[in-house]
PDB file of N, CA and C in Angstrom:
ATOM      1  N   UNK A   1     120.511  96.779  93.567  1.00  0.00           N
ATOM      2  CA  UNK A   1     121.334  96.212  92.521  1.00  0.00           C
ATOM      3  C   UNK A   1     120.477  95.244  91.715  1.00  0.00           C
ATOM      4  N   UNK A   2     120.627  95.281  90.425  1.00  0.00           N
ATOM      5  CA  UNK A   2     119.903  94.344  89.569  1.00  0.00           C
ATOM      6  C   UNK A   2     120.897  93.520  88.762  1.00  0.00           C
ATOM      7  N   UNK A   3     120.458  92.391  88.232  1.00  0.00           N
ATOM      8  CA  UNK A   3     121.363  91.559  87.442  1.00  0.00           C
ATOM      9  C   UNK A   3     121.890  92.329  86.232  1.00  0.00           C
ATOM     10  N   UNK A   4     123.038  91.943  85.729  1.00  0.00           N
ATOM     11  CA  UNK A   4     123.558  92.609  84.529  1.00  0.00           C
ATOM     12  C   UNK A   4     122.548  92.505  83.383  1.00  0.00           C
ATOM     13  N   UNK A   5     122.487  93.550  82.575  1.00  0.00           N
ATOM     14  CA  UNK A   5     121.546  93.577  81.451  1.00  0.00           C
ATOM     15  C   UNK A   5     122.317  93.703  80.147  1.00  0.00           C
ATOM     16  N   UNK A   6     121.893  92.964  79.160  1.00  0.00           N
ATOM     17  CA  UNK A   6     122.488  93.063  77.829  1.00  0.00           C
ATOM     18  C   UNK A   6     122.039  94.365  77.182  1.00  0.00           C
ATOM     19  N   UNK A   7     122.830  94.872  76.282  1.00  0.00           N
ATOM     20  CA  UNK A   7     122.468  96.107  75.584  1.00  0.00           C
ATOM     21  C   UNK A   7     121.161  95.969  74.819  1.00  0.00           C
ATOM     22  N   UNK A   8     120.869  94.764  74.359  1.00  0.00           N
ATOM     23  CA  UNK A   8     119.647  94.538  73.590  1.00  0.00           C
ATOM     24  C   UNK A   8     118.527  93.936  74.437  1.00  0.00           C
ATOM     25  N   UNK A   9     118.606  94.113  75.753  1.00  0.00           N
ATOM     26  CA  UNK A   9     117.567  93.589  76.653  1.00  0.00           C
ATOM     27  C   UNK A   9     116.233  94.236  76.312  1.00  0.00           C
ATOM     28  N   UNK A  10     115.141  93.506  76.483  1.00  0.00           N
ATOM     29  CA  UNK A  10     113.824  94.083  76.187  1.00  0.00           C
ATOM     30  C   UNK A  10     113.530  95.264  77.102  1.00  0.00           C
ATOM     31  N   UNK A  11     112.602  96.092  76.673  1.00  0.00           N
ATOM     32  CA  UNK A  11     112.237  97.273  77.460  1.00  0.00           C
ATOM     33  C   UNK A  11     111.296  96.921  78.612  1.00  0.00           C
ATOM     34  N   UNK A  12     110.711  95.733  78.600  1.00  0.00           N
ATOM     35  CA  UNK A  12     109.791  95.308  79.653  1.00  0.00           C
ATOM     36  C   UNK A  12     110.535  95.095  80.963  1.00  0.00           C
ATOM     37  N   UNK A  13     109.884  95.457  82.074  1.00  0.00           N
ATOM     38  CA  UNK A  13     110.548  95.285  83.362  1.00  0.00           C
ATOM     39  C   UNK A  13     109.570  94.868  84.453  1.00  0.00           C
ATOM     40  N   UNK A  14     110.160  94.393  85.535  1.00  0.00           N
ATOM     41  CA  UNK A  14     109.431  94.048  86.749  1.00  0.00           C
ATOM     42  C   UNK A  14     109.909  95.023  87.822  1.00  0.00           C
ATOM     43  N   UNK A  15     108.979  95.700  88.464  1.00  0.00           N
ATOM     44  CA  UNK A  15     109.304  96.662  89.511  1.00  0.00           C
ATOM     45  C   UNK A  15     109.030  96.039  90.871  1.00  0.00           C
ATOM     46  N   UNK A  16     109.968  96.166  91.778  1.00  0.00           N
ATOM     47  CA  UNK A  16     109.802  95.651  93.137  1.00  0.00           C
ATOM     48  C   UNK A  16     109.725  96.818  94.106  1.00  0.00           C
ATOM     49  N   UNK A  17     108.743  96.766  95.003  1.00  0.00           N
ATOM     50  CA  UNK A  17     108.550  97.791  96.026  1.00  0.00           C
ATOM     51  C   UNK A  17     108.429  97.094  97.374  1.00  0.00           C
ATOM     52  N   UNK A  18     108.811  97.793  98.424  1.00  0.00           N
ATOM     53  CA  UNK A  18     108.624  97.251  99.755  1.00  0.00           C
ATOM     54  C   UNK A  18     109.673  97.727 100.729  1.00  0.00           C
ATOM     55  N   UNK A  19     109.771  96.993 101.814  1.00  0.00           N
ATOM     56  CA  UNK A  19     110.644  97.363 102.927  1.00  0.00           C
ATOM     57  C   UNK A  19     112.008  96.691 102.788  1.00  0.00           C
ATOM     58  N   UNK A  20     112.666  96.504 103.914  1.00  0.00           N
ATOM     59  CA  UNK A  20     114.012  95.932 103.922  1.00  0.00           C
ATOM     60  C   UNK A  20     114.048  94.511 103.373  1.00  0.00           C
ATOM     61  N   UNK A  21     112.919  93.795 103.439  1.00  0.00           N
ATOM     62  CA  UNK A  21     112.875  92.451 102.843  1.00  0.00           C
ATOM     63  C   UNK A  21     113.121  92.542 101.341  1.00  0.00           C
ATOM     64  N   UNK A  22     112.466  93.483 100.712  1.00  0.00           N
ATOM     65  CA  UNK A  22     112.626  93.667  99.276  1.00  0.00           C
ATOM     66  C   UNK A  22     114.009  94.219  98.954  1.00  0.00           C
ATOM     67  N   UNK A  23     114.427  95.196  99.729  1.00  0.00           N
ATOM     68  CA  UNK A  23     115.737  95.818  99.529  1.00  0.00           C
ATOM     69  C   UNK A  23     116.855  94.787  99.611  1.00  0.00           C
ATOM     70  N   UNK A  24     116.701  93.818 100.507  1.00  0.00           N
ATOM     71  CA  UNK A  24     117.720  92.788 100.672  1.00  0.00           C
ATOM     72  C   UNK A  24     118.601  93.023 101.887  1.00  0.00           C
ATOM     73  N   UNK A  25     118.051  93.694 102.881  1.00  0.00           N
ATOM     74  CA  UNK A  25     118.794  93.975 104.115  1.00  0.00           C
ATOM     75  C   UNK A  25     119.309  92.679 104.740  1.00  0.00           C
ATOM     76  N   UNK A  26     120.605  92.606 104.977  1.00  0.00           N
ATOM     77  CA  UNK A  26     121.202  91.462 105.655  1.00  0.00           C
ATOM     78  C   UNK A  26     121.632  90.324 104.746  1.00  0.00           C
ATOM     79  N   UNK A  27     121.389  90.454 103.450  1.00  0.00           N
ATOM     80  CA  UNK A  27     121.843  89.428 102.514  1.00  0.00           C
ATOM     81  C   UNK A  27     122.708  90.088 101.435  1.00  0.00           C
ATOM     82  N   UNK A  28     123.448  89.286 100.722  1.00  0.00           N
ATOM     83  CA  UNK A  28     124.263  89.812  99.634  1.00  0.00           C
ATOM     84  C   UNK A  28     123.397  90.323  98.488  1.00  0.00           C
ATOM     85  N   UNK A  29     123.946  91.220  97.692  1.00  0.00           N
ATOM     86  CA  UNK A  29     123.192  91.793  96.578  1.00  0.00           C
ATOM     87  C   UNK A  29     122.579  90.727  95.681  1.00  0.00           C
ATOM     88  N   UNK A  30     123.315  89.668  95.416  1.00  0.00           N
ATOM     89  CA  UNK A  30     122.821  88.618  94.514  1.00  0.00           C
ATOM     90  C   UNK A  30     121.826  87.687  95.190  1.00  0.00           C
ATOM     91  N   UNK A  31     121.590  87.876  96.492  1.00  0.00           N
ATOM     92  CA  UNK A  31     120.632  87.045  97.228  1.00  0.00           C
ATOM     93  C   UNK A  31     119.284  87.729  97.442  1.00  0.00           C
ATOM     94  N   UNK A  32     119.193  89.016  97.138  1.00  0.00           N
ATOM     95  CA  UNK A  32     117.925  89.735  97.295  1.00  0.00           C
ATOM     96  C   UNK A  32     116.916  89.207  96.272  1.00  0.00           C
ATOM     97  N   UNK A  33     115.652  89.160  96.673  1.00  0.00           N
ATOM     98  CA  UNK A  33     114.619  88.587  95.815  1.00  0.00           C
ATOM     99  C   UNK A  33     114.567  89.216  94.415  1.00  0.00           C
ATOM    100  N   UNK A  34     114.618  90.548  94.273  1.00  0.00           N
ATOM    101  CA  UNK A  34     114.576  91.108  92.921  1.00  0.00           C
ATOM    102  C   UNK A  34     115.735  90.614  92.042  1.00  0.00           C
ATOM    103  N   UNK A  35     116.911  90.505  92.607  1.00  0.00           N
ATOM    104  CA  UNK A  35     118.062  90.030  91.832  1.00  0.00           C
ATOM    105  C   UNK A  35     117.837  88.585  91.398  1.00  0.00           C
ATOM    106  N   UNK A  36     117.354  87.760  92.314  1.00  0.00           N
ATOM    107  CA  UNK A  36     117.113  86.350  92.000  1.00  0.00           C
ATOM    108  C   UNK A  36     116.053  86.221  90.907  1.00  0.00           C
ATOM    109  N   UNK A  37     114.975  86.986  91.008  1.00  0.00           N
ATOM    110  CA  UNK A  37     113.927  86.956  89.981  1.00  0.00           C
ATOM    111  C   UNK A  37     114.506  87.375  88.634  1.00  0.00           C
ATOM    112  N   UNK A  38     115.322  88.412  88.626  1.00  0.00           N
ATOM    113  CA  UNK A  38     115.947  88.849  87.377  1.00  0.00           C
ATOM    114  C   UNK A  38     116.830  87.773  86.777  1.00  0.00           C
ATOM    115  N   UNK A  39     117.552  87.066  87.621  1.00  0.00           N
ATOM    116  CA  UNK A  39     118.399  85.979  87.137  1.00  0.00           C
ATOM    117  C   UNK A  39     117.546  84.850  86.556  1.00  0.00           C
ATOM    118  N   UNK A  40     116.489  84.488  87.264  1.00  0.00           N
ATOM    119  CA  UNK A  40     115.603  83.423  86.786  1.00  0.00           C
ATOM    120  C   UNK A  40     114.858  83.805  85.503  1.00  0.00           C
ATOM    121  N   UNK A  41     114.608  85.088  85.300  1.00  0.00           N
ATOM    122  CA  UNK A  41     113.925  85.557  84.093  1.00  0.00           C
ATOM    123  C   UNK A  41     114.827  85.456  82.866  1.00  0.00           C
ATOM    124  N   UNK A  42     116.107  85.281  83.069  1.00  0.00           N
ATOM    125  CA  UNK A  42     117.084  85.068  81.992  1.00  0.00           C
ATOM    126  C   UNK A  42     116.993  86.114  80.887  1.00  0.00           C
ATOM    127  N   UNK A  43     116.904  87.379  81.286  1.00  0.00           N
ATOM    128  CA  UNK A  43     116.922  88.456  80.314  1.00  0.00           C
ATOM    129  C   UNK A  43     115.595  88.805  79.688  1.00  0.00           C
ATOM    130  N   UNK A  44     114.523  88.109  80.049  1.00  0.00           N
ATOM    131  CA  UNK A  44     113.208  88.432  79.476  1.00  0.00           C
ATOM    132  C   UNK A  44     112.667  89.757  80.008  1.00  0.00           C
ATOM    133  N   UNK A  45     113.107  90.126  81.212  1.00  0.00           N
ATOM    134  CA  UNK A  45     112.661  91.372  81.839  1.00  0.00           C
ATOM    135  C   UNK A  45     113.841  92.066  82.497  1.00  0.00           C
ATOM    136  N   UNK A  46     113.804  93.371  82.482  1.00  0.00           N
ATOM    137  CA  UNK A  46     114.715  94.150  83.311  1.00  0.00           C
ATOM    138  C   UNK A  46     114.116  94.155  84.716  1.00  0.00           C
ATOM    139  N   UNK A  47     114.916  94.317  85.732  1.00  0.00           N
ATOM    140  CA  UNK A  47     114.426  94.316  87.107  1.00  0.00           C
ATOM    141  C   UNK A  47     114.838  95.618  87.787  1.00  0.00           C
ATOM    142  N   UNK A  48     113.900  96.227  88.508  1.00  0.00           N
ATOM    143  CA  UNK A  48     114.193  97.439  89.255  1.00  0.00           C
ATOM    144  C   UNK A  48     113.740  97.244  90.702  1.00  0.00           C
ATOM    145  N   UNK A  49     114.648  97.463  91.634  1.00  0.00           N
ATOM    146  CA  UNK A  49     114.373  97.273  93.059  1.00  0.00           C
ATOM    147  C   UNK A  49     114.196  98.635  93.726  1.00  0.00           C
ATOM    148  N   UNK A  50     112.969  98.969  94.071  1.00  0.00           N
ATOM    149  CA  UNK A  50     112.666 100.225  94.762  1.00  0.00           C
ATOM    150  C   UNK A  50     112.418 100.006  96.249  1.00  0.00           C
ATOM    151  N   UNK A  51     112.848  98.867  96.766  1.00  0.00           N
ATOM    152  CA  UNK A  51     112.701  98.591  98.188  1.00  0.00           C
ATOM    153  C   UNK A  51     113.679  99.411  99.010  1.00  0.00           C
ATOM    154  N   UNK A  52     113.276  99.735 100.247  1.00  0.00           N
ATOM    155  CA  UNK A  52     114.131 100.490 101.156  1.00  0.00           C
ATOM    156  C   UNK A  52     113.673 100.221 102.579  1.00  0.00           C
ATOM    157  N   UNK A  53     114.598 100.170 103.477  1.00  0.00           N
ATOM    158  CA  UNK A  53     114.278  99.880 104.879  1.00  0.00           C
ATOM    159  C   UNK A  53     113.209 100.830 105.418  1.00  0.00           C
ATOM    160  N   UNK A  54     112.148 100.248 105.966  1.00  0.00           N
ATOM    161  CA  UNK A  54     111.081 101.035 106.563  1.00  0.00           C
ATOM    162  C   UNK A  54     110.012 101.499 105.593  1.00  0.00           C
ATOM    163  N   UNK A  55     110.170 101.246 104.306  1.00  0.00           N
ATOM    164  CA  UNK A  55     109.176 101.719 103.342  1.00  0.00           C
ATOM    165  C   UNK A  55     107.880 100.927 103.448  1.00  0.00           C
ATOM    166  N   UNK A  56     106.779 101.630 103.242  1.00  0.00           N
ATOM    167  CA  UNK A  56     105.459 101.030 103.237  1.00  0.00           C
ATOM    168  C   UNK A  56     104.740 101.374 101.943  1.00  0.00           C
ATOM    169  N   UNK A  57     103.472 101.013 101.854  1.00  0.00           N
ATOM    170  CA  UNK A  57     102.728 101.267 100.619  1.00  0.00           C
ATOM    171  C   UNK A  57     102.599 102.748 100.290  1.00  0.00           C
ATOM    172  N   UNK A  58     102.593 103.600 101.315  1.00  0.00           N
ATOM    173  CA  UNK A  58     102.487 105.043 101.065  1.00  0.00           C
ATOM    174  C   UNK A  58     103.748 105.572 100.381  1.00  0.00           C
ATOM    175  N   UNK A  59     104.900 104.984 100.658  1.00  0.00           N
ATOM    176  CA  UNK A  59     106.128 105.385  99.973  1.00  0.00           C
ATOM    177  C   UNK A  59     106.090 104.951  98.509  1.00  0.00           C
ATOM    178  N   UNK A  60     105.581 103.738  98.274  1.00  0.00           N
ATOM    179  CA  UNK A  60     105.447 103.251  96.905  1.00  0.00           C
ATOM    180  C   UNK A  60     104.526 104.179  96.105  1.00  0.00           C
ATOM    181  N   UNK A  61     103.381 104.511  96.685  1.00  0.00           N
ATOM    182  CA  UNK A  61     102.424 105.376  96.009  1.00  0.00           C
ATOM    183  C   UNK A  61     103.035 106.744  95.704  1.00  0.00           C
ATOM    184  N   UNK A  62     103.725 107.320  96.662  1.00  0.00           N
ATOM    185  CA  UNK A  62     104.346 108.631  96.444  1.00  0.00           C
ATOM    186  C   UNK A  62     105.397 108.564  95.343  1.00  0.00           C
ATOM    187  N   UNK A  63     106.194 107.499  95.323  1.00  0.00           N
ATOM    188  CA  UNK A  63     107.234 107.353  94.292  1.00  0.00           C
ATOM    189  C   UNK A  63     106.607 107.242  92.900  1.00  0.00           C
ATOM    190  N   UNK A  64     105.467 106.573  92.814  1.00  0.00           N
ATOM    191  CA  UNK A  64     104.793 106.439  91.523  1.00  0.00           C
ATOM    192  C   UNK A  64     104.136 107.758  91.122  1.00  0.00           C
ATOM    193  N   UNK A  65     103.400 108.367  92.055  1.00  0.00           N
ATOM    194  CA  UNK A  65     102.658 109.595  91.732  1.00  0.00           C
ATOM    195  C   UNK A  65     103.552 110.772  91.391  1.00  0.00           C
ATOM    196  N   UNK A  66     104.718 110.860  91.992  1.00  0.00           N
ATOM    197  CA  UNK A  66     105.606 111.987  91.713  1.00  0.00           C
ATOM    198  C   UNK A  66     106.430 111.793  90.435  1.00  0.00           C
ATOM    199  N   UNK A  67     106.346 110.603  89.843  1.00  0.00           N
ATOM    200  CA  UNK A  67     107.103 110.340  88.625  1.00  0.00           C
ATOM    201  C   UNK A  67     108.498 109.800  88.862  1.00  0.00           C
ATOM    202  N   UNK A  68     108.869 109.636  90.142  1.00  0.00           N
ATOM    203  CA  UNK A  68     110.208 109.135  90.460  1.00  0.00           C
ATOM    204  C   UNK A  68     110.448 107.758  89.835  1.00  0.00           C
ATOM    205  N   UNK A  69     109.463 106.876  89.941  1.00  0.00           N
ATOM    206  CA  UNK A  69     109.625 105.514  89.419  1.00  0.00           C
ATOM    207  C   UNK A  69     109.830 105.548  87.909  1.00  0.00           C
ATOM    208  N   UNK A  70     109.029 106.298  87.210  1.00  0.00           N
ATOM    209  CA  UNK A  70     109.156 106.377  85.748  1.00  0.00           C
ATOM    210  C   UNK A  70     110.516 106.912  85.337  1.00  0.00           C
ATOM    211  N   UNK A  71     110.990 107.951  86.029  1.00  0.00           N
ATOM    212  CA  UNK A  71     112.299 108.522  85.693  1.00  0.00           C
ATOM    213  C   UNK A  71     113.439 107.570  86.014  1.00  0.00           C
ATOM    214  N   UNK A  72     113.349 106.878  87.142  1.00  0.00           N
ATOM    215  CA  UNK A  72     114.448 106.018  87.576  1.00  0.00           C
ATOM    216  C   UNK A  72     114.451 104.664  86.869  1.00  0.00           C
ATOM    217  N   UNK A  73     113.277 104.123  86.566  1.00  0.00           N
ATOM    218  CA  UNK A  73     113.200 102.772  85.994  1.00  0.00           C
ATOM    219  C   UNK A  73     113.685 102.733  84.548  1.00  0.00           C
ATOM    220  N   UNK A  74     113.284 103.722  83.756  1.00  0.00           N
ATOM    221  CA  UNK A  74     113.664 103.783  82.350  1.00  0.00           C
ATOM    222  C   UNK A  74     113.361 102.471  81.618  1.00  0.00           C
ATOM    223  N   UNK A  75     112.143 101.967  81.814  1.00  0.00           N
ATOM    224  CA  UNK A  75     111.689 100.753  81.145  1.00  0.00           C
ATOM    225  C   UNK A  75     110.166 100.742  81.188  1.00  0.00           C
ATOM    226  N   UNK A  76     109.555  99.773  80.528  1.00  0.00           N
ATOM    227  CA  UNK A  76     108.105  99.657  80.494  1.00  0.00           C
ATOM    228  C   UNK A  76     107.658  98.612  81.512  1.00  0.00           C
ATOM    229  N   UNK A  77     107.029  99.033  82.605  1.00  0.00           N
ATOM    230  CA  UNK A  77     106.609  98.067  83.631  1.00  0.00           C
ATOM    231  C   UNK A  77     105.577  97.084  83.091  1.00  0.00           C
ATOM    232  N   UNK A  78     105.824  95.821  83.318  1.00  0.00           N
ATOM    233  CA  UNK A  78     104.870  94.760  82.978  1.00  0.00           C
ATOM    234  C   UNK A  78     104.301  94.136  84.243  1.00  0.00           C
ATOM    235  N   UNK A  79     105.102  94.133  85.292  1.00  0.00           N
ATOM    236  CA  UNK A  79     104.689  93.571  86.568  1.00  0.00           C
ATOM    237  C   UNK A  79     105.223  94.450  87.687  1.00  0.00           C
ATOM    238  N   UNK A  80     104.484  94.498  88.785  1.00  0.00           N
ATOM    239  CA  UNK A  80     104.941  95.176  89.991  1.00  0.00           C
ATOM    240  C   UNK A  80     104.720  94.235  91.166  1.00  0.00           C
ATOM    241  N   UNK A  81     105.696  94.160  92.034  1.00  0.00           N
ATOM    242  CA  UNK A  81     105.629  93.294  93.204  1.00  0.00           C
ATOM    243  C   UNK A  81     105.795  94.169  94.438  1.00  0.00           C
ATOM    244  N   UNK A  82     104.859  94.050  95.374  1.00  0.00           N
ATOM    245  CA  UNK A  82     104.991  94.744  96.643  1.00  0.00           C
ATOM    246  C   UNK A  82     105.147  93.697  97.726  1.00  0.00           C
ATOM    247  N   UNK A  83     106.209  93.825  98.501  1.00  0.00           N
ATOM    248  CA  UNK A  83     106.503  92.880  99.586  1.00  0.00           C
ATOM    249  C   UNK A  83     106.808  93.685 100.835  1.00  0.00           C
ATOM    250  N   UNK A  84     106.242  93.254 101.964  1.00  0.00           N
ATOM    251  CA  UNK A  84     106.496  93.971 103.208  1.00  0.00           C
ATOM    252  C   UNK A  84     106.435  93.031 104.398  1.00  0.00           C
ATOM    253  N   UNK A  85     106.979  93.515 105.479  1.00  0.00           N
ATOM    254  CA  UNK A  85     106.891  92.790 106.743  1.00  0.00           C
ATOM    255  C   UNK A  85     105.432  92.779 107.169  1.00  0.00           C
ATOM    256  N   UNK A  86     104.925  91.679 107.697  1.00  0.00           N
ATOM    257  CA  UNK A  86     103.485  91.562 107.952  1.00  0.00           C
ATOM    258  C   UNK A  86     102.918  92.369 109.106  1.00  0.00           C
ATOM    259  N   UNK A  87     103.701  93.158 109.811  1.00  0.00           N
ATOM    260  CA  UNK A  87     103.081  93.907 110.904  1.00  0.00           C
ATOM    261  C   UNK A  87     103.202  95.376 110.709  1.00  0.00           C
TER     262      UNK A  87
END
């Protein structure tokens, strides 16, 4: 889930990748890091959360290489954040 976006929101976006930490497992939708970053950005960027429980860097790479991210994001990436559990 990402913060609400205005119809005239810029095309620039921040993409988040990672495991359940990024996805927001165990917290409310508005408490997940990507949602909070989107709120703090105050509409300067669209936010896309590609985190999922158990995902690692190989999942991120596959999603990018197959074009899934480009099709799903529908924005121009300016930043990408990868977050994962340290072990």
